[in-house]
């Protein structure tokens, strides 16, 4: 079943992508939830026209995302956390903590666009996070988890 996504769907695609899914997933979840519409020939023509009109607007958005990506890649982020025995943390550091650290640096990024590689961090050390600023622009953010003093 071919569908046109009306919004970003995790592990499937981005808004305005044409995707092929199993019939049940499309009919029972994506279409009723409003995440997608059927990819009929007329819907594909409408999509092509809207993508053409949006192309020049996207260029400015991508340039802005690139500037933000360059600024973020130059940051040295250190996240302080309470530490127990050895280097083990009380709790964990995740995408919410990385978003808060970036906000302190002056970059407002939604936590759902931040992916900490390896999941939650439970020990001191250096780690990486991938930040998606735009569908075409992602940036790796190295960060360090340090002991709270």
N, C-alpha and C. Protein backbone atom coordinates (compact mmCIF):
# COMPACT_ATOMS: atom_id res chain seq x y z
N UNK A 1 0.85 -1.17 0.00
CA UNK A 1 0.00 0.00 0.00
C UNK A 1 0.90 1.24 0.00
N UNK A 2 0.69 2.12 -0.96
CA UNK A 2 1.45 3.35 -1.04
C UNK A 2 0.70 4.47 -0.35
N UNK A 3 1.43 5.19 0.51
CA UNK A 3 0.84 6.29 1.26
C UNK A 3 1.74 7.52 1.16
N UNK A 4 1.13 8.69 1.34
CA UNK A 4 1.86 9.94 1.44
C UNK A 4 1.78 10.37 2.90
N UNK A 5 2.93 10.54 3.54
CA UNK A 5 2.95 10.92 4.95
C UNK A 5 2.58 12.39 5.11
N UNK A 6 1.70 12.66 6.06
CA UNK A 6 1.29 14.04 6.34
C UNK A 6 2.13 14.65 7.44
N UNK A 7 2.90 13.82 8.17
CA UNK A 7 3.81 14.30 9.20
C UNK A 7 4.92 13.28 9.37
N UNK A 8 5.96 13.64 10.11
CA UNK A 8 7.08 12.72 10.34
C UNK A 8 6.60 11.53 11.16
N UNK A 9 6.99 10.33 10.74
CA UNK A 9 6.67 9.10 11.47
C UNK A 9 7.98 8.40 11.79
N UNK A 10 8.21 8.16 13.08
CA UNK A 10 9.45 7.53 13.54
C UNK A 10 9.68 6.20 12.83
N UNK A 11 10.90 5.99 12.35
CA UNK A 11 11.34 4.77 11.68
C UNK A 11 10.58 4.46 10.38
N UNK A 12 9.90 5.45 9.81
CA UNK A 12 9.19 5.23 8.55
C UNK A 12 9.58 6.28 7.52
N UNK A 13 9.43 7.56 7.87
CA UNK A 13 9.77 8.60 6.91
C UNK A 13 9.39 9.98 7.41
N UNK A 14 9.66 10.96 6.57
CA UNK A 14 9.39 12.34 6.89
C UNK A 14 8.11 12.81 6.20
N UNK A 15 7.65 13.99 6.59
CA UNK A 15 6.46 14.57 6.00
C UNK A 15 6.63 14.67 4.48
N UNK A 16 5.58 14.35 3.75
CA UNK A 16 5.51 14.41 2.28
C UNK A 16 6.34 13.33 1.59
N UNK A 17 6.81 12.33 2.30
CA UNK A 17 7.45 11.18 1.67
C UNK A 17 6.38 10.22 1.18
N UNK A 18 6.65 9.53 0.07
CA UNK A 18 5.77 8.46 -0.39
C UNK A 18 6.39 7.15 0.08
N UNK A 19 5.65 6.41 0.91
CA UNK A 19 6.17 5.18 1.49
C UNK A 19 5.26 4.01 1.15
N UNK A 20 5.84 2.82 1.16
CA UNK A 20 5.07 1.61 0.96
C UNK A 20 5.05 0.86 2.28
N UNK A 21 3.84 0.57 2.78
CA UNK A 21 3.67 -0.14 4.05
C UNK A 21 2.71 -1.30 3.84
N UNK A 22 2.65 -2.16 4.83
CA UNK A 22 1.68 -3.26 4.76
C UNK A 22 0.28 -2.69 4.91
N UNK A 23 -0.68 -3.38 4.31
CA UNK A 23 -2.06 -2.88 4.26
C UNK A 23 -2.62 -2.60 5.65
N UNK A 24 -2.42 -3.51 6.59
CA UNK A 24 -3.00 -3.35 7.92
C UNK A 24 -2.44 -2.15 8.65
N UNK A 25 -1.13 -1.92 8.55
CA UNK A 25 -0.50 -0.78 9.21
C UNK A 25 -1.03 0.53 8.66
N UNK A 26 -1.18 0.60 7.34
CA UNK A 26 -1.70 1.81 6.73
C UNK A 26 -3.17 2.04 7.04
N UNK A 27 -3.97 1.00 6.84
CA UNK A 27 -5.42 1.12 6.99
C UNK A 27 -5.86 1.27 8.45
N UNK A 28 -5.17 0.57 9.37
CA UNK A 28 -5.61 0.55 10.76
C UNK A 28 -4.92 1.56 11.66
N UNK A 29 -3.75 2.06 11.24
CA UNK A 29 -3.05 3.00 12.12
C UNK A 29 -2.77 4.35 11.45
N UNK A 30 -2.01 4.34 10.35
CA UNK A 30 -1.54 5.59 9.77
C UNK A 30 -2.67 6.48 9.27
N UNK A 31 -3.61 5.91 8.51
CA UNK A 31 -4.70 6.74 7.95
C UNK A 31 -5.67 7.21 9.04
N UNK A 32 -6.16 6.33 9.95
CA UNK A 32 -7.08 6.82 10.99
C UNK A 32 -6.45 7.84 11.94
N UNK A 33 -5.15 7.72 12.22
CA UNK A 33 -4.48 8.66 13.12
C UNK A 33 -4.18 9.99 12.42
N UNK A 34 -4.37 10.05 11.12
CA UNK A 34 -4.10 11.28 10.38
C UNK A 34 -2.63 11.44 10.02
N UNK A 35 -1.83 10.37 10.11
CA UNK A 35 -0.42 10.45 9.79
C UNK A 35 -0.17 10.33 8.29
N UNK A 36 -1.14 9.80 7.52
CA UNK A 36 -0.90 9.57 6.10
C UNK A 36 -2.23 9.60 5.33
N UNK A 37 -2.09 9.75 4.00
CA UNK A 37 -3.23 9.64 3.09
C UNK A 37 -2.84 8.67 1.97
N UNK A 38 -3.84 8.16 1.27
CA UNK A 38 -3.58 7.25 0.15
C UNK A 38 -2.84 8.00 -0.96
N UNK A 39 -1.90 7.32 -1.61
CA UNK A 39 -1.11 7.92 -2.68
C UNK A 39 -1.80 7.67 -4.02
N UNK A 40 -2.91 8.35 -4.24
CA UNK A 40 -3.61 8.25 -5.52
C UNK A 40 -2.87 9.11 -6.55
N UNK A 41 -3.13 8.90 -7.84
CA UNK A 41 -2.44 9.73 -8.85
C UNK A 41 -2.69 11.23 -8.66
N UNK A 42 -3.90 11.61 -8.28
CA UNK A 42 -4.17 13.04 -8.09
C UNK A 42 -3.44 13.57 -6.85
N UNK A 43 -3.36 12.76 -5.80
CA UNK A 43 -2.65 13.19 -4.60
C UNK A 43 -1.16 13.33 -4.89
N UNK A 44 -0.62 12.47 -5.75
CA UNK A 44 0.79 12.58 -6.12
C UNK A 44 1.07 13.85 -6.91
N UNK A 45 0.13 14.25 -7.78
CA UNK A 45 0.29 15.48 -8.55
C UNK A 45 0.28 16.69 -7.62
N UNK A 46 -0.65 16.69 -6.66
CA UNK A 46 -0.72 17.79 -5.69
C UNK A 46 0.57 17.85 -4.88
N UNK A 47 1.06 16.69 -4.46
CA UNK A 47 2.30 16.63 -3.69
C UNK A 47 3.47 17.18 -4.49
N UNK A 48 3.57 16.81 -5.76
CA UNK A 48 4.67 17.29 -6.62
C UNK A 48 4.64 18.81 -6.73
N UNK A 49 3.45 19.37 -6.86
CA UNK A 49 3.33 20.82 -6.98
C UNK A 49 3.72 21.52 -5.68
N UNK A 50 3.28 21.00 -4.54
CA UNK A 50 3.63 21.63 -3.26
C UNK A 50 5.12 21.50 -2.98
N UNK A 51 5.73 20.37 -3.37
CA UNK A 51 7.17 20.22 -3.17
C UNK A 51 7.95 21.20 -4.04
N UNK A 52 7.46 21.44 -5.25
CA UNK A 52 8.11 22.38 -6.15
C UNK A 52 8.07 23.80 -5.57
N UNK A 53 6.90 24.17 -5.01
CA UNK A 53 6.76 25.51 -4.43
C UNK A 53 7.58 25.67 -3.17
N UNK A 54 7.73 24.57 -2.42
CA UNK A 54 8.43 24.65 -1.15
C UNK A 54 9.94 24.59 -1.32
N UNK A 55 10.44 24.20 -2.48
CA UNK A 55 11.87 23.98 -2.68
C UNK A 55 12.69 25.23 -2.40
N UNK A 56 12.25 26.37 -2.89
CA UNK A 56 13.06 27.57 -2.68
C UNK A 56 12.96 28.05 -1.23
N UNK A 57 11.84 27.82 -0.56
CA UNK A 57 11.73 28.17 0.86
C UNK A 57 12.64 27.29 1.70
N UNK A 58 12.78 26.01 1.31
CA UNK A 58 13.60 25.06 2.04
C UNK A 58 15.06 25.50 2.05
N UNK A 59 15.51 26.13 0.97
CA UNK A 59 16.92 26.50 0.86
C UNK A 59 17.33 27.41 2.02
N UNK A 60 16.50 28.39 2.36
CA UNK A 60 16.81 29.31 3.46
C UNK A 60 16.79 28.57 4.80
N UNK A 61 15.85 27.66 4.96
CA UNK A 61 15.74 26.90 6.21
C UNK A 61 16.96 26.01 6.38
N UNK A 62 17.41 25.37 5.31
CA UNK A 62 18.58 24.50 5.38
C UNK A 62 19.84 25.30 5.71
N UNK A 63 19.97 26.48 5.12
CA UNK A 63 21.13 27.32 5.42
C UNK A 63 21.15 27.71 6.90
N UNK A 64 20.00 28.04 7.45
CA UNK A 64 19.91 28.38 8.87
C UNK A 64 20.25 27.17 9.74
N UNK A 65 19.78 26.00 9.35
CA UNK A 65 20.09 24.78 10.10
C UNK A 65 21.59 24.48 10.03
N UNK A 66 22.22 24.75 8.89
CA UNK A 66 23.67 24.53 8.77
C UNK A 66 24.45 25.46 9.69
N UNK A 67 24.01 26.72 9.80
CA UNK A 67 24.67 27.66 10.71
C UNK A 67 24.56 27.17 12.14
N UNK A 68 23.37 26.71 12.51
CA UNK A 68 23.17 26.18 13.87
C UNK A 68 24.02 24.94 14.08
N UNK A 69 24.10 24.07 13.08
CA UNK A 69 24.91 22.85 13.18
C UNK A 69 26.38 23.20 13.39
N UNK A 70 26.89 24.18 12.66
CA UNK A 70 28.28 24.59 12.82
C UNK A 70 28.54 25.14 14.22
N UNK A 71 27.59 25.93 14.73
CA UNK A 71 27.74 26.49 16.07
C UNK A 71 27.71 25.39 17.13
N UNK A 72 26.83 24.41 16.95
CA UNK A 72 26.71 23.32 17.93
C UNK A 72 27.94 22.43 17.90
N UNK A 73 28.48 22.17 16.71
CA UNK A 73 29.63 21.27 16.62
C UNK A 73 30.86 21.85 17.29
N UNK A 74 30.93 23.17 17.46
CA UNK A 74 32.07 23.81 18.11
C UNK A 74 31.94 23.86 19.63
N UNK A 75 30.77 23.49 20.16
CA UNK A 75 30.55 23.55 21.61
C UNK A 75 31.26 22.41 22.32
N UNK A 76 31.67 22.67 23.55
CA UNK A 76 32.15 21.63 24.45
C UNK A 76 31.13 21.53 25.56
N UNK A 77 30.29 20.50 25.50
CA UNK A 77 29.20 20.36 26.46
C UNK A 77 29.65 19.43 27.58
N UNK A 78 29.48 19.90 28.81
CA UNK A 78 29.76 19.09 29.99
C UNK A 78 28.48 19.05 30.82
N UNK A 79 28.05 17.85 31.15
CA UNK A 79 26.84 17.67 31.93
C UNK A 79 27.23 17.13 33.30
N UNK A 80 26.91 17.88 34.33
CA UNK A 80 27.23 17.47 35.70
C UNK A 80 26.12 16.58 36.24
N UNK A 81 26.52 15.51 36.90
CA UNK A 81 25.54 14.57 37.45
C UNK A 81 26.06 14.02 38.76
N UNK A 82 25.13 13.61 39.63
CA UNK A 82 25.52 13.01 40.91
C UNK A 82 26.11 11.64 40.67
N UNK A 83 27.18 11.34 41.41
CA UNK A 83 27.91 10.10 41.19
C UNK A 83 27.93 9.29 42.48
N UNK A 84 27.76 7.98 42.32
CA UNK A 84 27.83 7.05 43.45
C UNK A 84 29.22 6.45 43.53
N UNK A 85 29.29 5.18 43.87
CA UNK A 85 30.56 4.48 43.99
C UNK A 85 31.23 4.38 42.62
N UNK A 86 32.54 4.69 42.58
CA UNK A 86 33.27 4.62 41.32
C UNK A 86 32.81 5.71 40.37
N UNK A 87 32.47 5.31 39.15
CA UNK A 87 32.03 6.29 38.16
C UNK A 87 30.57 6.08 37.77
N UNK A 88 29.83 5.39 38.61
CA UNK A 88 28.43 5.10 38.31
C UNK A 88 27.54 6.27 38.75
N UNK A 89 26.60 6.66 37.89
CA UNK A 89 25.72 7.79 38.17
C UNK A 89 24.50 7.37 38.99
N UNK A 90 23.99 8.33 39.77
CA UNK A 90 22.66 8.16 40.35
C UNK A 90 21.69 8.56 39.25
N UNK A 91 20.92 7.64 38.75
CA UNK A 91 20.03 7.93 37.63
C UNK A 91 20.79 7.79 36.33
N UNK A 92 20.44 8.63 35.35
CA UNK A 92 21.10 8.55 34.05
C UNK A 92 21.03 9.90 33.35
N UNK A 93 21.82 10.03 32.30
CA UNK A 93 21.80 11.23 31.45
C UNK A 93 21.20 10.81 30.12
N UNK A 94 20.21 11.57 29.65
CA UNK A 94 19.55 11.22 28.39
C UNK A 94 19.34 12.46 27.54
N UNK A 95 18.50 12.35 26.51
CA UNK A 95 18.31 13.45 25.57
C UNK A 95 17.73 14.70 26.24
N UNK A 96 16.99 14.55 27.30
CA UNK A 96 16.42 15.71 28.01
C UNK A 96 17.55 16.53 28.63
N UNK A 97 18.53 15.84 29.22
CA UNK A 97 19.66 16.53 29.84
C UNK A 97 20.53 17.22 28.79
N UNK A 98 20.70 16.58 27.64
CA UNK A 98 21.48 17.18 26.55
C UNK A 98 20.76 18.43 26.04
N UNK A 99 19.43 18.36 25.91
CA UNK A 99 18.64 19.52 25.47
C UNK A 99 18.77 20.67 26.46
N UNK A 100 18.76 20.35 27.76
CA UNK A 100 18.91 21.39 28.79
C UNK A 100 20.30 22.03 28.73
N UNK A 101 21.33 21.21 28.50
CA UNK A 101 22.69 21.74 28.38
C UNK A 101 22.82 22.65 27.15
N UNK A 102 22.19 22.26 26.05
CA UNK A 102 22.22 23.10 24.84
C UNK A 102 21.45 24.40 25.06
N UNK A 103 20.38 24.33 25.83
CA UNK A 103 19.59 25.54 26.11
C UNK A 103 20.42 26.53 26.92
N UNK A 104 21.25 26.04 27.84
CA UNK A 104 22.13 26.92 28.60
C UNK A 104 23.13 27.61 27.69
N UNK A 105 23.52 26.93 26.61
CA UNK A 105 24.47 27.49 25.65
C UNK A 105 23.77 28.42 24.64
N UNK A 106 22.44 28.50 24.70
CA UNK A 106 21.70 29.40 23.83
C UNK A 106 21.12 28.78 22.58
N UNK A 107 21.05 27.44 22.53
CA UNK A 107 20.47 26.75 21.37
C UNK A 107 19.22 26.01 21.83
N UNK A 108 18.08 26.46 21.35
CA UNK A 108 16.79 25.86 21.71
C UNK A 108 16.49 24.72 20.75
N UNK A 109 16.67 23.47 21.22
CA UNK A 109 16.42 22.30 20.38
C UNK A 109 15.51 21.36 21.13
N UNK A 110 14.45 20.91 20.46
CA UNK A 110 13.48 20.01 21.08
C UNK A 110 14.14 18.67 21.37
N UNK A 111 13.80 18.09 22.53
CA UNK A 111 14.43 16.84 22.96
C UNK A 111 14.15 15.67 22.02
N UNK A 112 13.05 15.72 21.27
CA UNK A 112 12.73 14.59 20.40
C UNK A 112 13.64 14.52 19.17
N UNK A 113 14.39 15.60 18.91
CA UNK A 113 15.32 15.61 17.78
C UNK A 113 16.74 15.25 18.21
N UNK A 114 16.92 14.90 19.50
CA UNK A 114 18.23 14.53 20.02
C UNK A 114 18.23 13.05 20.31
N UNK A 115 19.24 12.35 19.82
CA UNK A 115 19.37 10.92 20.04
C UNK A 115 20.74 10.64 20.65
N UNK A 116 20.75 10.23 21.92
CA UNK A 116 22.00 9.88 22.58
C UNK A 116 22.39 8.48 22.11
N UNK A 117 23.59 8.38 21.54
CA UNK A 117 24.04 7.10 21.00
C UNK A 117 24.28 6.14 22.16
N UNK A 118 23.66 4.97 22.09
CA UNK A 118 23.78 3.98 23.15
C UNK A 118 22.69 4.09 24.20
N UNK A 119 21.74 4.99 24.01
CA UNK A 119 20.64 5.13 24.97
C UNK A 119 21.04 5.98 26.15
N UNK A 120 20.50 5.66 27.32
CA UNK A 120 20.79 6.43 28.53
C UNK A 120 22.22 6.19 28.99
N UNK A 121 22.86 7.27 29.43
CA UNK A 121 24.24 7.20 29.92
C UNK A 121 24.21 6.98 31.42
N UNK A 122 24.91 5.96 31.90
CA UNK A 122 24.87 5.63 33.33
C UNK A 122 26.24 5.70 34.00
N UNK A 123 27.27 6.15 33.26
CA UNK A 123 28.62 6.26 33.82
C UNK A 123 29.26 7.57 33.37
N UNK A 124 30.28 7.99 34.12
CA UNK A 124 31.04 9.17 33.73
C UNK A 124 31.80 8.87 32.45
N UNK A 125 32.09 9.92 31.68
CA UNK A 125 32.90 9.73 30.48
C UNK A 125 32.42 10.58 29.33
N UNK A 126 33.01 10.31 28.17
CA UNK A 126 32.68 11.06 26.96
C UNK A 126 31.73 10.23 26.10
N UNK A 127 30.71 10.90 25.57
CA UNK A 127 29.68 10.24 24.77
C UNK A 127 29.33 11.13 23.59
N UNK A 128 28.50 10.60 22.70
CA UNK A 128 28.04 11.34 21.52
C UNK A 128 26.53 11.33 21.45
N UNK A 129 26.01 12.40 20.87
CA UNK A 129 24.58 12.50 20.58
C UNK A 129 24.44 12.97 19.14
N UNK A 130 23.39 12.53 18.47
CA UNK A 130 23.10 12.98 17.11
C UNK A 130 21.88 13.89 17.19
N UNK A 131 22.02 15.08 16.63
CA UNK A 131 20.94 16.06 16.66
C UNK A 131 20.46 16.28 15.23
N UNK A 132 19.15 16.12 15.04
CA UNK A 132 18.56 16.33 13.71
C UNK A 132 17.92 17.71 13.70
N UNK A 133 18.54 18.64 12.98
CA UNK A 133 18.05 20.01 12.89
C UNK A 133 17.07 20.18 11.73
N UNK A 134 17.21 19.34 10.73
CA UNK A 134 16.36 19.37 9.53
C UNK A 134 16.46 17.98 8.93
N UNK A 135 15.55 17.64 8.05
CA UNK A 135 15.59 16.30 7.47
C UNK A 135 16.89 16.03 6.73
N UNK A 136 17.56 17.09 6.26
CA UNK A 136 18.82 16.94 5.55
C UNK A 136 20.04 17.33 6.38
N UNK A 137 19.84 17.86 7.59
CA UNK A 137 20.95 18.37 8.38
C UNK A 137 20.97 17.70 9.75
N UNK A 138 22.01 16.90 9.99
CA UNK A 138 22.22 16.33 11.31
C UNK A 138 23.63 16.69 11.76
N UNK A 139 23.83 16.73 13.06
CA UNK A 139 25.14 17.08 13.61
C UNK A 139 25.45 16.16 14.78
N UNK A 140 26.71 15.73 14.86
CA UNK A 140 27.17 14.93 15.99
C UNK A 140 27.62 15.89 17.09
N UNK A 141 27.16 15.64 18.30
CA UNK A 141 27.53 16.47 19.44
C UNK A 141 28.26 15.61 20.47
N UNK A 142 29.58 15.78 20.59
CA UNK A 142 30.27 15.07 21.66
C UNK A 142 30.00 15.79 22.98
N UNK A 143 29.72 15.04 24.02
CA UNK A 143 29.53 15.65 25.33
C UNK A 143 30.17 14.78 26.39
N UNK A 144 30.44 15.39 27.54
CA UNK A 144 31.11 14.69 28.62
C UNK A 144 30.25 14.74 29.87
N UNK A 145 30.12 13.61 30.52
CA UNK A 145 29.39 13.54 31.78
C UNK A 145 30.44 13.61 32.89
N UNK A 146 30.32 14.64 33.74
CA UNK A 146 31.30 14.85 34.81
C UNK A 146 30.60 14.75 36.16
N UNK A 147 31.41 14.59 37.20
CA UNK A 147 30.86 14.48 38.56
C UNK A 147 30.44 15.87 39.05
N UNK A 148 29.30 15.91 39.71
CA UNK A 148 28.79 17.16 40.28
C UNK A 148 29.60 17.47 41.52
N UNK A 149 30.03 18.72 41.66
CA UNK A 149 30.85 19.04 42.82
C UNK A 149 30.05 19.72 43.91
